[in-house]
Amino acid sequence: RELVDDEKVAEVVAMMTGVPVQRIAQAEGSRLLRMGEEIKDSIIGQDEAIAKIVKSIQRNRAGLKDPNKPIGTFVFLGPTGVGKTQLAKVLATYLFDTTENLIRIDMSEYME
């Protein structure tokens, strides 16, 4: 018989669901504490937005939210070139290891 450990279970769950369970399982607490600093290293000038996003994600991961509601709905508004898309991509990469798990709606047609 083959011994099944937590790493093998995480690998199978990740393969079947597409959720990076291995990454979620590793030192989640320390990762969450460093999250704001790591994102701020990649994004310049969006400290307030980063702080609010990190706070909501930390609250979610600590279990201090309604389980029937999403982690958050983040709507980035502002003029061209301030880093909205970059912040969304860095956040998606940090949480899901890819920017593919990002829903982006371009509302520039409705600027008038």
Protein backbone atom coordinates (compact mmCIF):
# COMPACT_ATOMS: atom_id res chain seq x y z
CA ARG A 1 0.00 0.00 0.00
CA GLU A 2 1.09 3.51 -0.73
CA LEU A 3 1.12 6.00 2.11
CA VAL A 4 -1.12 9.02 1.48
CA ASP A 5 0.04 12.20 3.20
CA ASP A 6 -1.22 15.78 3.21
CA GLU A 7 1.02 16.77 0.27
CA LYS A 8 -0.47 14.09 -1.99
CA VAL A 9 -4.01 15.06 -1.02
CA ALA A 10 -3.23 18.72 -1.74
CA GLU A 11 -1.73 17.76 -5.10
CA VAL A 12 -4.84 15.80 -6.13
CA VAL A 13 -7.19 18.57 -4.99
CA ALA A 14 -5.14 21.14 -6.92
CA MET A 15 -5.17 18.96 -10.02
CA MET A 16 -8.94 18.39 -9.89
CA THR A 17 -10.09 21.88 -8.92
CA GLY A 18 -7.38 24.13 -10.33
CA VAL A 19 -7.00 25.74 -6.90
CA PRO A 20 -3.33 25.90 -5.84
CA VAL A 21 -3.84 24.04 -2.55
CA GLN A 22 -0.12 23.44 -2.07
CA ARG A 23 0.51 27.17 -2.05
CA ILE A 24 -2.47 27.87 0.21
CA ALA A 25 -1.31 25.26 2.70
CA GLN A 26 2.23 26.62 3.12
CA ALA A 27 2.72 29.03 5.98
CA GLU A 28 -0.56 30.84 5.33
CA GLY A 29 -0.28 32.98 8.43
CA SER A 30 3.17 34.35 7.69
CA ARG A 31 2.24 34.90 4.04
CA LEU A 32 -0.81 36.93 5.06
CA LEU A 33 1.25 39.07 7.40
CA ARG A 34 3.73 39.92 4.63
CA MET A 35 1.09 40.36 1.94
CA GLY A 36 0.81 44.15 2.13
CA GLU A 37 4.57 44.68 2.03
CA GLU A 38 5.05 42.28 -0.89
CA ILE A 39 2.33 43.93 -2.96
CA LYS A 40 3.64 47.41 -2.12
CA ASP A 41 7.03 46.36 -3.49
CA SER A 42 5.36 45.75 -6.87
CA ILE A 43 2.95 48.71 -6.94
CA ILE A 44 3.94 52.34 -6.44
CA GLY A 45 1.54 55.01 -5.19
CA GLN A 46 -1.45 52.82 -4.31
CA ASP A 47 -0.76 52.35 -0.59
CA GLU A 48 -4.31 53.13 0.56
CA ALA A 49 -5.91 50.75 -1.95
CA ILE A 50 -3.42 48.01 -1.06
CA ALA A 51 -4.10 48.47 2.67
CA LYS A 52 -7.87 48.10 2.20
CA ILE A 53 -7.56 45.06 -0.06
CA VAL A 54 -5.08 43.33 2.26
CA LYS A 55 -7.29 44.03 5.27
CA SER A 56 -10.33 42.43 3.62
CA ILE A 57 -8.35 39.37 2.49
CA GLN A 58 -6.79 38.93 5.94
CA ARG A 59 -10.23 39.23 7.54
CA ASN A 60 -11.55 36.59 5.15
CA ARG A 61 -8.71 34.14 5.74
CA ALA A 62 -8.99 34.58 9.51
CA GLY A 63 -12.64 33.52 9.30
CA LEU A 64 -14.08 36.89 10.34
CA LYS A 65 -16.57 37.19 7.51
CA ASP A 66 -19.92 35.83 6.48
CA PRO A 67 -19.29 32.50 4.73
CA ASN A 68 -22.13 33.24 2.31
CA LYS A 69 -20.41 36.34 0.94
CA PRO A 70 -17.36 36.64 -1.32
CA ILE A 71 -13.91 37.73 -0.10
CA GLY A 72 -14.60 41.10 -1.65
CA THR A 73 -15.54 42.94 -4.77
CA PHE A 74 -12.73 45.23 -5.75
CA VAL A 75 -13.55 48.00 -8.22
CA PHE A 76 -10.53 50.02 -9.29
CA LEU A 77 -11.48 53.43 -10.65
CA GLY A 78 -9.32 56.30 -11.78
CA PRO A 79 -7.57 57.94 -14.71
CA THR A 80 -5.40 56.09 -17.18
CA GLY A 81 -1.95 55.06 -16.01
CA VAL A 82 -2.36 55.02 -12.22
CA GLY A 83 -1.88 51.25 -11.87
CA LYS A 84 -5.39 49.82 -11.62
CA THR A 85 -4.77 46.89 -13.94
CA GLN A 86 -1.29 46.26 -12.55
CA LEU A 87 -2.65 46.13 -8.99
CA ALA A 88 -5.36 43.67 -10.05
CA LYS A 89 -2.81 41.46 -11.82
CA VAL A 90 -0.38 41.48 -8.88
CA LEU A 91 -3.23 40.65 -6.51
CA ALA A 92 -4.44 37.77 -8.71
CA THR A 93 -0.91 36.41 -9.02
CA TYR A 94 -0.38 36.64 -5.27
CA LEU A 95 -3.63 34.87 -4.43
CA PHE A 96 -3.99 32.39 -7.29
CA ASP A 97 -0.50 32.09 -8.85
CA THR A 98 -1.81 33.34 -12.19
CA THR A 99 -3.52 36.34 -13.74
CA GLU A 100 -5.91 33.97 -15.52
CA ASN A 101 -8.19 33.96 -12.44
CA LEU A 102 -9.08 37.60 -12.91
CA ILE A 103 -12.30 39.07 -14.25
CA ARG A 104 -11.63 42.40 -15.90
CA ILE A 105 -14.39 44.63 -17.23
CA ASP A 106 -13.29 47.56 -19.37
CA MET A 107 -15.74 50.42 -18.91
CA SER A 108 -13.83 53.01 -20.96
CA GLU A 109 -16.64 53.08 -23.53
CA TYR A 110 -18.90 54.67 -20.91
CA MET A 111 -16.57 57.50 -19.85
CA GLU A 112 -18.89 60.25 -21.08
